[in-house]
Amino acid sequence: MPVWQALYEELGPHGFVPITVALDRREDVQPYIEAANPTHPSLIDEAHRTAELYHLLNVPTILWIDEAGMICRPHDSQYATDIFTAFHKKLSGPYLQMIRDWVHTGAGAMSADEIRANQPKPNADSQLARVERALAWHLLNAGRGAAAEPHFDRAAELAPKDWTIQRGSMPLRGGNAFGPEFFALAEKGKFNYGMEDLTPTHAPESAE
């Protein structure tokens, strides 16, 4: 978040406004937001409506929206820092520079045809998975944790490569989204982010 605050201070006079959205429980992320004290919009989406509306498959992910409110670059697996570069092999610097170039010159924005070609499309199973996840979330909030469990399981079965469902449900079910369960999922294969290979921001071999 400090990186986005710094970019906002740098690029805000040119019309750039970062909006950060945490797909987490409020009690888990509110302290971090308060500690960062951002002046840009910083939201918490416990119900995962953002993931549903934009068909987000993993986090962190970034999408660009222009002055007219239209997506001009679909969601992409990029990072604001290099804290976990050893794991995901991507550097943050080149992508942050892309954002600066976009704000100043419009570079990097895609045409409507390019966006349609690279934006991951939902299907019947992925849509049903989000319904199952939403039902599980509703039951959990109603104090019916046992009834929620099969719906969490069904959501994971329907969308095995959607980390907003798979990993995002871990803390709700008493698991650790940064612990052994996460690495067990990672060992099953690289989950889909969308257009992650279109932006050359991978770390050099020496960073592995």
N, C-alpha and C. Protein backbone atom coordinates (compact mmCIF):
# COMPACT_ATOMS: atom_id res chain seq x y z
N MET A 1 0.81 -1.22 0.00
CA MET A 1 0.00 0.00 0.00
C MET A 1 0.84 1.27 0.00
N PRO A 2 1.98 1.33 0.72
CA PRO A 2 2.80 2.54 0.64
C PRO A 2 3.25 2.86 -0.78
N VAL A 3 3.46 1.82 -1.61
CA VAL A 3 3.85 2.06 -3.00
C VAL A 3 2.74 2.78 -3.74
N TRP A 4 1.50 2.33 -3.55
CA TRP A 4 0.38 2.99 -4.23
C TRP A 4 0.17 4.40 -3.71
N GLN A 5 0.42 4.62 -2.43
CA GLN A 5 0.32 5.96 -1.89
C GLN A 5 1.36 6.87 -2.54
N ALA A 6 2.58 6.34 -2.70
CA ALA A 6 3.64 7.13 -3.32
C ALA A 6 3.31 7.43 -4.78
N LEU A 7 2.76 6.43 -5.49
CA LEU A 7 2.37 6.68 -6.89
C LEU A 7 1.23 7.69 -6.98
N TYR A 8 0.32 7.62 -6.02
CA TYR A 8 -0.78 8.57 -6.00
C TYR A 8 -0.25 9.99 -5.80
N GLU A 9 0.70 10.15 -4.90
CA GLU A 9 1.28 11.46 -4.68
C GLU A 9 2.04 11.95 -5.90
N GLU A 10 2.68 11.01 -6.60
CA GLU A 10 3.45 11.37 -7.80
C GLU A 10 2.56 11.65 -9.01
N LEU A 11 1.56 10.80 -9.21
CA LEU A 11 0.77 10.84 -10.45
C LEU A 11 -0.63 11.41 -10.26
N GLY A 12 -1.04 11.60 -9.01
CA GLY A 12 -2.36 12.14 -8.76
C GLY A 12 -2.62 13.46 -9.46
N PRO A 13 -1.65 14.39 -9.50
CA PRO A 13 -1.87 15.65 -10.21
C PRO A 13 -2.13 15.46 -11.71
N HIS A 14 -1.78 14.28 -12.24
CA HIS A 14 -2.01 13.98 -13.65
C HIS A 14 -3.26 13.14 -13.87
N GLY A 15 -4.06 12.97 -12.81
CA GLY A 15 -5.33 12.29 -12.95
C GLY A 15 -5.35 10.84 -12.52
N PHE A 16 -4.24 10.32 -12.00
CA PHE A 16 -4.16 8.92 -11.61
C PHE A 16 -4.67 8.72 -10.18
N VAL A 17 -5.60 7.76 -10.00
CA VAL A 17 -6.11 7.44 -8.68
C VAL A 17 -6.09 5.92 -8.51
N PRO A 18 -5.20 5.39 -7.68
CA PRO A 18 -5.24 3.95 -7.42
C PRO A 18 -6.37 3.63 -6.45
N ILE A 19 -7.07 2.55 -6.72
CA ILE A 19 -8.12 2.07 -5.81
C ILE A 19 -7.72 0.65 -5.42
N THR A 20 -7.36 0.47 -4.17
CA THR A 20 -6.96 -0.86 -3.70
C THR A 20 -8.17 -1.55 -3.06
N VAL A 21 -8.31 -2.83 -3.37
CA VAL A 21 -9.43 -3.62 -2.87
C VAL A 21 -8.88 -4.90 -2.25
N ALA A 22 -9.18 -5.13 -0.98
CA ALA A 22 -8.75 -6.35 -0.29
C ALA A 22 -9.90 -7.34 -0.28
N LEU A 23 -9.68 -8.53 -0.84
CA LEU A 23 -10.68 -9.59 -0.81
C LEU A 23 -10.45 -10.42 0.46
N ASP A 24 -10.73 -9.82 1.59
CA ASP A 24 -10.40 -10.43 2.88
C ASP A 24 -11.46 -10.05 3.91
N ARG A 25 -11.36 -10.69 5.06
CA ARG A 25 -12.21 -10.30 6.17
C ARG A 25 -11.74 -8.96 6.73
N ARG A 26 -12.69 -8.15 7.13
CA ARG A 26 -12.37 -6.81 7.62
C ARG A 26 -11.39 -6.86 8.79
N GLU A 27 -11.61 -7.79 9.71
CA GLU A 27 -10.75 -7.82 10.89
C GLU A 27 -9.31 -8.19 10.56
N ASP A 28 -9.10 -8.84 9.40
CA ASP A 28 -7.75 -9.24 9.02
C ASP A 28 -6.96 -8.11 8.38
N VAL A 29 -7.65 -7.20 7.68
CA VAL A 29 -6.92 -6.18 6.91
C VAL A 29 -7.11 -4.76 7.41
N GLN A 30 -8.15 -4.51 8.19
CA GLN A 30 -8.39 -3.15 8.67
C GLN A 30 -7.20 -2.56 9.41
N PRO A 31 -6.52 -3.33 10.27
CA PRO A 31 -5.36 -2.75 10.97
C PRO A 31 -4.25 -2.29 10.03
N TYR A 32 -4.04 -3.02 8.94
CA TYR A 32 -3.00 -2.64 7.98
C TYR A 32 -3.38 -1.35 7.24
N ILE A 33 -4.66 -1.25 6.89
CA ILE A 33 -5.12 -0.04 6.21
C ILE A 33 -4.99 1.17 7.13
N GLU A 34 -5.38 0.99 8.38
CA GLU A 34 -5.29 2.10 9.33
C GLU A 34 -3.84 2.50 9.57
N ALA A 35 -2.94 1.51 9.62
CA ALA A 35 -1.53 1.82 9.83
C ALA A 35 -0.94 2.56 8.64
N ALA A 36 -1.36 2.19 7.44
CA ALA A 36 -0.85 2.85 6.23
C ALA A 36 -1.45 4.25 6.06
N ASN A 37 -2.68 4.43 6.53
CA ASN A 37 -3.37 5.72 6.46
C ASN A 37 -3.34 6.29 5.04
N PRO A 38 -3.83 5.53 4.05
CA PRO A 38 -3.77 6.01 2.67
C PRO A 38 -4.74 7.15 2.42
N THR A 39 -4.39 8.01 1.49
CA THR A 39 -5.30 9.08 1.08
C THR A 39 -6.03 8.72 -0.20
N HIS A 40 -5.65 7.62 -0.84
CA HIS A 40 -6.40 7.12 -1.99
C HIS A 40 -7.46 6.13 -1.49
N PRO A 41 -8.48 5.82 -2.30
CA PRO A 41 -9.51 4.88 -1.86
C PRO A 41 -8.92 3.50 -1.56
N SER A 42 -9.22 2.97 -0.40
CA SER A 42 -8.74 1.66 0.01
C SER A 42 -9.92 0.89 0.57
N LEU A 43 -10.38 -0.13 -0.15
CA LEU A 43 -11.64 -0.79 0.14
C LEU A 43 -11.44 -2.22 0.62
N ILE A 44 -12.44 -2.74 1.31
CA ILE A 44 -12.45 -4.12 1.76
C ILE A 44 -13.69 -4.79 1.18
N ASP A 45 -13.49 -5.89 0.48
CA ASP A 45 -14.57 -6.59 -0.19
C ASP A 45 -14.67 -8.00 0.39
N GLU A 46 -15.35 -8.13 1.51
CA GLU A 46 -15.47 -9.44 2.16
C GLU A 46 -16.30 -10.41 1.31
N ALA A 47 -17.27 -9.91 0.58
CA ALA A 47 -18.17 -10.75 -0.19
C ALA A 47 -17.61 -11.13 -1.57
N HIS A 48 -16.43 -10.61 -1.92
CA HIS A 48 -15.79 -10.93 -3.21
C HIS A 48 -16.61 -10.45 -4.41
N ARG A 49 -17.32 -9.37 -4.26
CA ARG A 49 -18.09 -8.83 -5.39
C ARG A 49 -17.17 -8.34 -6.50
N THR A 50 -16.01 -7.81 -6.14
CA THR A 50 -15.07 -7.34 -7.16
C THR A 50 -14.59 -8.51 -8.01
N ALA A 51 -14.26 -9.63 -7.37
CA ALA A 51 -13.84 -10.81 -8.12
C ALA A 51 -14.94 -11.30 -9.03
N GLU A 52 -16.17 -11.23 -8.56
CA GLU A 52 -17.30 -11.67 -9.37
C GLU A 52 -17.52 -10.77 -10.57
N LEU A 53 -17.50 -9.46 -10.34
CA LEU A 53 -17.81 -8.52 -11.41
C LEU A 53 -16.73 -8.49 -12.50
N TYR A 54 -15.46 -8.61 -12.09
CA TYR A 54 -14.36 -8.53 -13.05
C TYR A 54 -13.76 -9.89 -13.38
N HIS A 55 -14.35 -10.97 -12.85
CA HIS A 55 -13.86 -12.33 -13.06
C HIS A 55 -12.38 -12.42 -12.71
N LEU A 56 -12.04 -11.98 -11.52
CA LEU A 56 -10.67 -12.05 -11.03
C LEU A 56 -10.38 -13.46 -10.55
N LEU A 57 -9.22 -13.99 -10.94
CA LEU A 57 -8.88 -15.37 -10.63
C LEU A 57 -7.79 -15.50 -9.57
N ASN A 58 -7.11 -14.41 -9.27
CA ASN A 58 -6.03 -14.48 -8.31
C ASN A 58 -5.72 -13.08 -7.80
N VAL A 59 -4.99 -13.02 -6.71
CA VAL A 59 -4.50 -11.75 -6.18
C VAL A 59 -3.04 -11.92 -5.80
N PRO A 60 -2.23 -10.86 -5.87
CA PRO A 60 -2.62 -9.52 -6.33
C PRO A 60 -2.82 -9.49 -7.84
N THR A 61 -3.70 -8.64 -8.27
CA THR A 61 -3.93 -8.44 -9.69
C THR A 61 -4.28 -6.97 -9.91
N ILE A 62 -4.00 -6.49 -11.08
CA ILE A 62 -4.19 -5.06 -11.38
C ILE A 62 -4.92 -4.93 -12.70
N LEU A 63 -5.90 -4.04 -12.77
CA LEU A 63 -6.50 -3.70 -14.05
C LEU A 63 -6.55 -2.18 -14.18
N TRP A 64 -6.51 -1.72 -15.42
CA TRP A 64 -6.51 -0.28 -15.69
C TRP A 64 -7.89 0.14 -16.16
N ILE A 65 -8.39 1.23 -15.59
CA ILE A 65 -9.67 1.80 -15.99
C ILE A 65 -9.44 3.26 -16.34
N ASP A 66 -9.93 3.66 -17.50
CA ASP A 66 -9.64 5.01 -17.99
C ASP A 66 -10.61 6.05 -17.44
N GLU A 67 -10.48 7.27 -17.92
CA GLU A 67 -11.29 8.38 -17.42
C GLU A 67 -12.77 8.18 -17.69
N ALA A 68 -13.09 7.39 -18.73
CA ALA A 68 -14.49 7.15 -19.07
C ALA A 68 -15.09 5.97 -18.30
N GLY A 69 -14.28 5.38 -17.41
CA GLY A 69 -14.76 4.25 -16.64
C GLY A 69 -14.69 2.93 -17.39
N MET A 70 -13.92 2.88 -18.46
CA MET A 70 -13.80 1.67 -19.27
C MET A 70 -12.47 0.97 -18.98
N ILE A 71 -12.49 -0.35 -18.95
CA ILE A 71 -11.25 -1.11 -18.80
C ILE A 71 -10.40 -0.89 -20.03
N CYS A 72 -9.14 -0.48 -19.83
CA CYS A 72 -8.25 -0.29 -20.97
C CYS A 72 -7.05 -1.23 -20.91
N ARG A 73 -6.97 -2.03 -19.86
CA ARG A 73 -6.02 -3.14 -19.80
C ARG A 73 -6.58 -4.13 -18.79
N PRO A 74 -6.86 -5.38 -19.22
CA PRO A 74 -7.49 -6.33 -18.31
C PRO A 74 -6.58 -6.76 -17.19
N HIS A 75 -7.15 -7.44 -16.21
CA HIS A 75 -6.38 -7.74 -15.01
C HIS A 75 -5.18 -8.62 -15.31
N ASP A 76 -4.11 -8.32 -14.58
CA ASP A 76 -2.79 -8.85 -14.88
C ASP A 76 -2.09 -9.16 -13.56
N SER A 77 -1.28 -10.20 -13.57
CA SER A 77 -0.57 -10.60 -12.34
C SER A 77 0.68 -9.76 -12.16
N GLN A 78 0.55 -8.65 -11.47
CA GLN A 78 1.68 -7.76 -11.26
C GLN A 78 1.79 -7.43 -9.77
N TYR A 79 2.94 -6.88 -9.40
CA TYR A 79 3.25 -6.69 -7.99
C TYR A 79 3.83 -5.29 -7.78
N ALA A 80 3.48 -4.69 -6.65
CA ALA A 80 3.94 -3.34 -6.35
C ALA A 80 5.30 -3.33 -5.67
N THR A 81 5.72 -4.49 -5.14
CA THR A 81 7.02 -4.58 -4.49
C THR A 81 7.71 -5.87 -4.94
N ASP A 82 8.96 -6.03 -4.51
CA ASP A 82 9.72 -7.23 -4.87
C ASP A 82 9.88 -8.18 -3.67
N ILE A 83 8.99 -8.07 -2.70
CA ILE A 83 9.11 -8.88 -1.49
C ILE A 83 9.06 -10.37 -1.81
N PHE A 84 8.18 -10.76 -2.74
CA PHE A 84 8.01 -12.18 -3.04
C PHE A 84 8.53 -12.55 -4.43
N THR A 85 9.46 -11.77 -4.95
CA THR A 85 9.98 -12.03 -6.29
C THR A 85 10.61 -13.42 -6.39
N ALA A 86 11.26 -13.89 -5.33
CA ALA A 86 11.88 -15.22 -5.37
C ALA A 86 10.85 -16.31 -5.62
N PHE A 87 9.59 -16.04 -5.25
CA PHE A 87 8.53 -17.03 -5.43
C PHE A 87 7.89 -16.92 -6.81
N HIS A 88 7.51 -15.68 -7.21
CA HIS A 88 6.75 -15.53 -8.45
C HIS A 88 7.60 -15.09 -9.64
N LYS A 89 8.88 -14.74 -9.41
CA LYS A 89 9.84 -14.42 -10.47
C LYS A 89 9.47 -13.17 -11.27
N LYS A 90 8.81 -12.22 -10.63
CA LYS A 90 8.48 -10.98 -11.34
C LYS A 90 8.99 -9.78 -10.56
N LEU A 91 9.56 -8.81 -11.29
CA LEU A 91 10.01 -7.57 -10.70
C LEU A 91 8.90 -6.52 -10.80
N SER A 92 8.82 -5.66 -9.81
CA SER A 92 7.77 -4.64 -9.80
C SER A 92 8.13 -3.41 -10.63
N GLY A 93 9.43 -3.10 -10.70
CA GLY A 93 9.85 -1.84 -11.33
C GLY A 93 9.35 -1.64 -12.74
N PRO A 94 9.52 -2.61 -13.65
CA PRO A 94 9.07 -2.40 -15.03
C PRO A 94 7.57 -2.13 -15.14
N TYR A 95 6.79 -2.80 -14.31
CA TYR A 95 5.35 -2.58 -14.40
C TYR A 95 4.94 -1.23 -13.83
N LEU A 96 5.56 -0.82 -12.75
CA LEU A 96 5.27 0.50 -12.20
C LEU A 96 5.63 1.59 -13.20
N GLN A 97 6.70 1.36 -13.96
CA GLN A 97 7.06 2.31 -15.01
C GLN A 97 6.01 2.32 -16.11
N MET A 98 5.45 1.14 -16.42
CA MET A 98 4.37 1.08 -17.40
C MET A 98 3.19 1.95 -16.97
N ILE A 99 2.88 1.93 -15.68
CA ILE A 99 1.78 2.75 -15.18
C ILE A 99 2.11 4.23 -15.36
N ARG A 100 3.33 4.60 -15.06
CA ARG A 100 3.73 6.00 -15.26
C ARG A 100 3.60 6.40 -16.73
N ASP A 101 4.05 5.52 -17.62
CA ASP A 101 3.96 5.82 -19.05
C ASP A 101 2.51 5.93 -19.51
N TRP A 102 1.66 5.07 -18.96
CA TRP A 102 0.25 5.13 -19.32
C TRP A 102 -0.36 6.46 -18.89
N VAL A 103 -0.08 6.88 -17.68
CA VAL A 103 -0.64 8.13 -17.16
C VAL A 103 -0.15 9.32 -17.99
N HIS A 104 1.13 9.31 -18.34
CA HIS A 104 1.70 10.47 -19.03
C HIS A 104 1.43 10.47 -20.53
N THR A 105 1.42 9.29 -21.16
CA THR A 105 1.33 9.24 -22.63
C THR A 105 0.21 8.37 -23.17
N GLY A 106 -0.43 7.57 -22.31
CA GLY A 106 -1.46 6.65 -22.79
C GLY A 106 -0.90 5.32 -23.26
N ALA A 107 0.42 5.15 -23.21
CA ALA A 107 1.04 3.91 -23.66
C ALA A 107 0.60 2.75 -22.78
N GLY A 108 0.45 1.57 -23.39
CA GLY A 108 0.09 0.38 -22.64
C GLY A 108 -1.39 0.07 -22.64
N ALA A 109 -2.22 1.08 -22.91
CA ALA A 109 -3.66 0.81 -23.01
C ALA A 109 -3.92 -0.05 -24.23
N MET A 110 -4.88 -0.96 -24.14
CA MET A 110 -5.17 -1.88 -25.22
C MET A 110 -6.44 -1.48 -25.96
N SER A 111 -6.53 -1.94 -27.19
CA SER A 111 -7.75 -1.72 -27.96
C SER A 111 -8.85 -2.64 -27.43
N ALA A 112 -10.08 -2.36 -27.83
CA ALA A 112 -11.20 -3.18 -27.38
C ALA A 112 -11.02 -4.63 -27.81
N ASP A 113 -10.51 -4.85 -29.02
CA ASP A 113 -10.30 -6.21 -29.51
C ASP A 113 -9.23 -6.93 -28.69
N GLU A 114 -8.15 -6.22 -28.33
CA GLU A 114 -7.10 -6.82 -27.52
C GLU A 114 -7.60 -7.16 -26.13
N ILE A 115 -8.42 -6.29 -25.58
CA ILE A 115 -8.97 -6.54 -24.25
C ILE A 115 -9.86 -7.78 -24.28
N ARG A 116 -10.72 -7.87 -25.28
CA ARG A 116 -11.60 -9.04 -25.37
C ARG A 116 -10.79 -10.32 -25.55
N ALA A 117 -9.68 -10.24 -26.27
CA ALA A 117 -8.87 -11.43 -26.52
C ALA A 117 -8.13 -11.89 -25.27
N ASN A 118 -7.81 -10.96 -24.38
CA ASN A 118 -6.96 -11.28 -23.23
C ASN A 118 -7.69 -11.31 -21.90
N GLN A 119 -8.91 -10.85 -21.86
CA GLN A 119 -9.67 -10.90 -20.63
C GLN A 119 -10.22 -12.31 -20.43
N PRO A 120 -9.86 -12.99 -19.33
CA PRO A 120 -10.40 -14.34 -19.09
C PRO A 120 -11.93 -14.30 -19.04
N LYS A 121 -12.54 -15.29 -19.67
CA LYS A 121 -14.00 -15.32 -19.76
C LYS A 121 -14.58 -16.30 -18.73
N PRO A 122 -15.63 -15.89 -18.05
CA PRO A 122 -16.30 -16.85 -17.15
C PRO A 122 -17.05 -17.90 -17.96
N ASN A 123 -17.26 -19.05 -17.35
CA ASN A 123 -18.08 -20.08 -17.97
C ASN A 123 -19.11 -20.54 -16.95
N ALA A 124 -19.89 -21.53 -17.31
CA ALA A 124 -20.98 -21.97 -16.42
C ALA A 124 -20.43 -22.47 -15.08
N ASP A 125 -19.32 -23.23 -15.13
CA ASP A 125 -18.76 -23.76 -13.89
C ASP A 125 -18.20 -22.65 -13.00
N SER A 126 -17.50 -21.69 -13.60
CA SER A 126 -16.91 -20.62 -12.79
C SER A 126 -17.99 -19.74 -12.18
N GLN A 127 -19.07 -19.52 -12.92
CA GLN A 127 -20.16 -18.72 -12.39
C GLN A 127 -20.87 -19.46 -11.24
N LEU A 128 -21.08 -20.76 -11.43
CA LEU A 128 -21.71 -21.54 -10.37
C LEU A 128 -20.81 -21.61 -9.15
N ALA A 129 -19.49 -21.67 -9.38
CA ALA A 129 -18.55 -21.68 -8.25
C ALA A 129 -18.68 -20.41 -7.42
N ARG A 130 -18.87 -19.28 -8.06
CA ARG A 130 -19.03 -18.03 -7.31
C ARG A 130 -20.35 -18.02 -6.54
N VAL A 131 -21.37 -18.63 -7.11
CA VAL A 131 -22.65 -18.74 -6.39
C VAL A 131 -22.47 -19.61 -5.15
N GLU A 132 -21.76 -20.74 -5.31
CA GLU A 132 -21.53 -21.63 -4.18
C GLU A 132 -20.69 -20.94 -3.11
N ARG A 133 -19.70 -20.17 -3.53
CA ARG A 133 -18.87 -19.46 -2.56
C ARG A 133 -19.68 -18.40 -1.84
N ALA A 134 -20.54 -17.69 -2.57
CA ALA A 134 -21.39 -16.67 -1.96
C ALA A 134 -22.36 -17.30 -0.96
N LEU A 135 -22.91 -18.47 -1.29
CA LEU A 135 -23.82 -19.14 -0.38
C LEU A 135 -23.08 -19.59 0.88
N ALA A 136 -21.86 -20.11 0.70
CA ALA A 136 -21.05 -20.51 1.85
C ALA A 136 -20.77 -19.31 2.76
N TRP A 137 -20.44 -18.18 2.16
CA TRP A 137 -20.17 -16.96 2.92
C TRP A 137 -21.41 -16.52 3.69
N HIS A 138 -22.58 -16.59 3.05
CA HIS A 138 -23.83 -16.22 3.71
C HIS A 138 -24.11 -17.13 4.90
N LEU A 139 -23.95 -18.43 4.71
CA LEU A 139 -24.20 -19.38 5.79
C LEU A 139 -23.22 -19.18 6.94
N LEU A 140 -21.98 -18.91 6.60
CA LEU A 140 -20.97 -18.68 7.63
C LEU A 140 -21.33 -17.47 8.47
N ASN A 141 -21.75 -16.40 7.82
CA ASN A 141 -22.13 -15.18 8.54
C ASN A 141 -23.38 -15.40 9.39
N ALA A 142 -24.19 -16.36 9.00
CA ALA A 142 -25.41 -16.66 9.75
C ALA A 142 -25.14 -17.62 10.90
N GLY A 143 -23.86 -17.94 11.13
CA GLY A 143 -23.52 -18.84 12.21
C GLY A 143 -23.71 -20.31 11.88
N ARG A 144 -23.79 -20.62 10.59
CA ARG A 144 -24.03 -22.01 10.17
C ARG A 144 -22.79 -22.54 9.45
N GLY A 145 -21.68 -22.58 10.17
CA GLY A 145 -20.41 -22.98 9.59
C GLY A 145 -20.42 -24.38 9.01
N ALA A 146 -21.06 -25.32 9.70
CA ALA A 146 -21.10 -26.70 9.20
C ALA A 146 -21.85 -26.78 7.88
N ALA A 147 -22.93 -26.02 7.76
CA ALA A 147 -23.70 -26.02 6.51
C ALA A 147 -22.92 -25.35 5.38
N ALA A 148 -22.02 -24.43 5.74
CA ALA A 148 -21.25 -23.73 4.71
C ALA A 148 -20.18 -24.61 4.08
N GLU A 149 -19.65 -25.56 4.82
CA GLU A 149 -18.50 -26.35 4.36
C GLU A 149 -18.71 -27.04 3.02
N PRO A 150 -19.81 -27.76 2.79
CA PRO A 150 -19.97 -28.40 1.48
C PRO A 150 -20.04 -27.42 0.32
N HIS A 151 -20.50 -26.22 0.58
CA HIS A 151 -20.57 -25.22 -0.49
C HIS A 151 -19.18 -24.65 -0.79
N PHE A 152 -18.34 -24.49 0.23
CA PHE A 152 -16.95 -24.14 -0.02
C PHE A 152 -16.28 -25.23 -0.85
N ASP A 153 -16.53 -26.49 -0.49
CA ASP A 153 -15.93 -27.60 -1.22
C ASP A 153 -16.40 -27.62 -2.67
N ARG A 154 -17.70 -27.43 -2.87
CA ARG A 154 -18.25 -27.45 -4.23
C ARG A 154 -17.68 -26.32 -5.06
N ALA A 155 -17.53 -25.14 -4.47
CA ALA A 155 -16.95 -24.00 -5.20
C ALA A 155 -15.53 -24.33 -5.65
N ALA A 156 -14.74 -24.97 -4.78
CA ALA A 156 -13.38 -25.34 -5.14
C ALA A 156 -13.36 -26.39 -6.23
N GLU A 157 -14.29 -27.31 -6.21
CA GLU A 157 -14.36 -28.35 -7.25
C GLU A 157 -14.70 -27.74 -8.61
N LEU A 158 -15.60 -26.80 -8.62
CA LEU A 158 -16.05 -26.19 -9.88
C LEU A 158 -15.00 -25.26 -10.48
N ALA A 159 -14.19 -24.61 -9.63
CA ALA A 159 -13.19 -23.65 -10.11
C ALA A 159 -11.84 -23.96 -9.49
N PRO A 160 -11.21 -25.07 -9.88
CA PRO A 160 -9.96 -25.50 -9.22
C PRO A 160 -8.79 -24.57 -9.45
N LYS A 161 -8.88 -23.68 -10.47
CA LYS A 161 -7.77 -22.77 -10.75
C LYS A 161 -8.08 -21.33 -10.36
N ASP A 162 -9.08 -21.15 -9.56
CA ASP A 162 -9.45 -19.80 -9.11
C ASP A 162 -8.98 -19.63 -7.67
N TRP A 163 -7.92 -18.85 -7.51
CA TRP A 163 -7.36 -18.67 -6.17
C TRP A 163 -8.18 -17.70 -5.33
N THR A 164 -9.00 -16.86 -5.94
CA THR A 164 -9.85 -16.00 -5.12
C THR A 164 -10.86 -16.86 -4.36
N ILE A 165 -11.17 -18.03 -4.91
CA ILE A 165 -12.04 -18.97 -4.22
C ILE A 165 -11.23 -19.93 -3.36
N GLN A 166 -10.22 -20.55 -3.97
CA GLN A 166 -9.45 -21.57 -3.25
C GLN A 166 -8.71 -20.99 -2.06
N ARG A 167 -7.86 -20.02 -2.33
CA ARG A 167 -7.06 -19.45 -1.25
C ARG A 167 -7.87 -18.48 -0.40
N GLY A 168 -8.77 -17.74 -1.05
CA GLY A 168 -9.57 -16.76 -0.33
C GLY A 168 -10.50 -17.37 0.71
N SER A 169 -10.83 -18.65 0.53
CA SER A 169 -11.72 -19.32 1.49
C SER A 169 -10.97 -19.89 2.67
N MET A 170 -9.65 -20.00 2.57
CA MET A 170 -8.88 -20.64 3.65
C MET A 170 -9.09 -19.99 5.02
N PRO A 171 -8.90 -18.68 5.15
CA PRO A 171 -9.07 -18.08 6.49
C PRO A 171 -10.50 -18.18 7.00
N LEU A 172 -11.47 -18.21 6.09
CA LEU A 172 -12.86 -18.34 6.51
C LEU A 172 -13.13 -19.71 7.11
N ARG A 173 -12.33 -20.67 6.69
CA ARG A 173 -12.51 -22.06 7.14
C ARG A 173 -11.51 -22.44 8.24
N GLY A 174 -10.83 -21.43 8.78
CA GLY A 174 -9.89 -21.67 9.85
C GLY A 174 -8.50 -22.03 9.40
N GLY A 175 -8.22 -21.88 8.09
CA GLY A 175 -6.90 -22.19 7.56
C GLY A 175 -6.01 -20.98 7.49
N ASN A 176 -4.82 -21.18 6.96
CA ASN A 176 -3.81 -20.12 6.84
C ASN A 176 -3.49 -19.90 5.37
N ALA A 177 -3.90 -18.74 4.84
CA ALA A 177 -3.69 -18.45 3.42
C ALA A 177 -2.23 -18.21 3.08
N PHE A 178 -1.37 -18.16 4.09
CA PHE A 178 0.06 -17.98 3.85
C PHE A 178 0.87 -19.16 4.38
N GLY A 179 0.18 -20.23 4.71
CA GLY A 179 0.84 -21.37 5.32
C GLY A 179 0.94 -22.58 4.42
N PRO A 180 1.08 -23.77 5.01
CA PRO A 180 1.28 -25.00 4.24
C PRO A 180 0.18 -25.28 3.22
N GLU A 181 -1.06 -24.88 3.55
CA GLU A 181 -2.16 -25.12 2.62
C GLU A 181 -1.95 -24.37 1.31
N PHE A 182 -1.44 -23.15 1.42
CA PHE A 182 -1.16 -22.37 0.22
C PHE A 182 -0.10 -23.05 -0.64
N PHE A 183 0.99 -23.48 -0.03
CA PHE A 183 2.07 -24.10 -0.79
C PHE A 183 1.65 -25.46 -1.34
N ALA A 184 0.75 -26.15 -0.64
CA ALA A 184 0.23 -27.40 -1.18
C ALA A 184 -0.56 -27.15 -2.46
N LEU A 185 -1.33 -26.06 -2.47
CA LEU A 185 -2.05 -25.69 -3.69
C LEU A 185 -1.09 -25.30 -4.80
N ALA A 186 -0.06 -24.53 -4.44
CA ALA A 186 0.90 -24.07 -5.44
C ALA A 186 1.62 -25.24 -6.10
N GLU A 187 1.86 -26.31 -5.34
CA GLU A 187 2.55 -27.46 -5.89
C GLU A 187 1.71 -28.20 -6.94
N LYS A 188 0.41 -27.97 -6.93
CA LYS A 188 -0.46 -28.65 -7.90
C LYS A 188 -0.35 -28.03 -9.29
N GLY A 189 0.26 -26.87 -9.38
CA GLY A 189 0.40 -26.23 -10.67
C GLY A 189 0.16 -24.74 -10.57
N LYS A 190 0.62 -24.04 -11.58
CA LYS A 190 0.51 -22.58 -11.61
C LYS A 190 -0.92 -22.18 -11.94
N PHE A 191 -1.58 -21.50 -11.04
CA PHE A 191 -2.96 -21.10 -11.27
C PHE A 191 -3.01 -19.93 -12.26
N ASN A 192 -4.10 -19.86 -12.97
CA ASN A 192 -4.25 -18.87 -14.03
C ASN A 192 -4.53 -17.48 -13.46
N TYR A 193 -3.79 -16.50 -13.94
CA TYR A 193 -4.03 -15.10 -13.59
C TYR A 193 -4.74 -14.36 -14.70
N GLY A 194 -4.66 -14.85 -15.90
CA GLY A 194 -5.21 -14.12 -17.04
C GLY A 194 -4.14 -13.89 -18.08
N MET A 195 -3.64 -12.64 -18.18
CA MET A 195 -2.72 -12.29 -19.25
C MET A 195 -1.30 -12.11 -18.73
N GLU A 196 -0.88 -12.93 -17.78
CA GLU A 196 0.37 -12.68 -17.09
C GLU A 196 1.60 -12.75 -18.00
N ASP A 197 1.55 -13.45 -19.10
CA ASP A 197 2.73 -13.60 -19.95
C ASP A 197 2.85 -12.48 -20.99
N LEU A 198 1.91 -11.55 -21.02
CA LEU A 198 1.95 -10.48 -22.01
C LEU A 198 2.82 -9.32 -21.60
N THR A 199 3.14 -9.23 -20.32
CA THR A 199 3.94 -8.11 -19.84
C THR A 199 5.30 -8.62 -19.37
N PRO A 200 6.40 -8.26 -20.04
CA PRO A 200 7.71 -8.83 -19.72
C PRO A 200 8.33 -8.20 -18.48
N THR A 201 7.90 -8.67 -17.31
CA THR A 201 8.44 -8.11 -16.07
C THR A 201 9.02 -9.22 -15.21
N HIS A 202 9.44 -10.32 -15.84
CA HIS A 202 10.00 -11.43 -15.07
C HIS A 202 11.40 -11.07 -14.57
N ALA A 203 11.73 -11.61 -13.42
CA ALA A 203 13.05 -11.35 -12.85
C ALA A 203 14.11 -12.10 -13.63
N PRO A 204 15.35 -11.59 -13.65
CA PRO A 204 16.42 -12.31 -14.31
C PRO A 204 16.74 -13.59 -13.58
N GLU A 205 17.46 -14.49 -14.25
CA GLU A 205 17.77 -15.78 -13.66
C GLU A 205 18.51 -15.65 -12.33
N SER A 206 19.32 -14.63 -12.19
CA SER A 206 20.12 -14.47 -10.96
C SER A 206 19.26 -14.20 -9.75
N ALA A 207 17.98 -13.80 -9.96
CA ALA A 207 17.10 -13.50 -8.85
C ALA A 207 16.41 -14.75 -8.32
N GLU A 208 16.56 -15.87 -8.98
CA GLU A 208 15.89 -17.09 -8.54
C GLU A 208 16.55 -17.64 -7.28
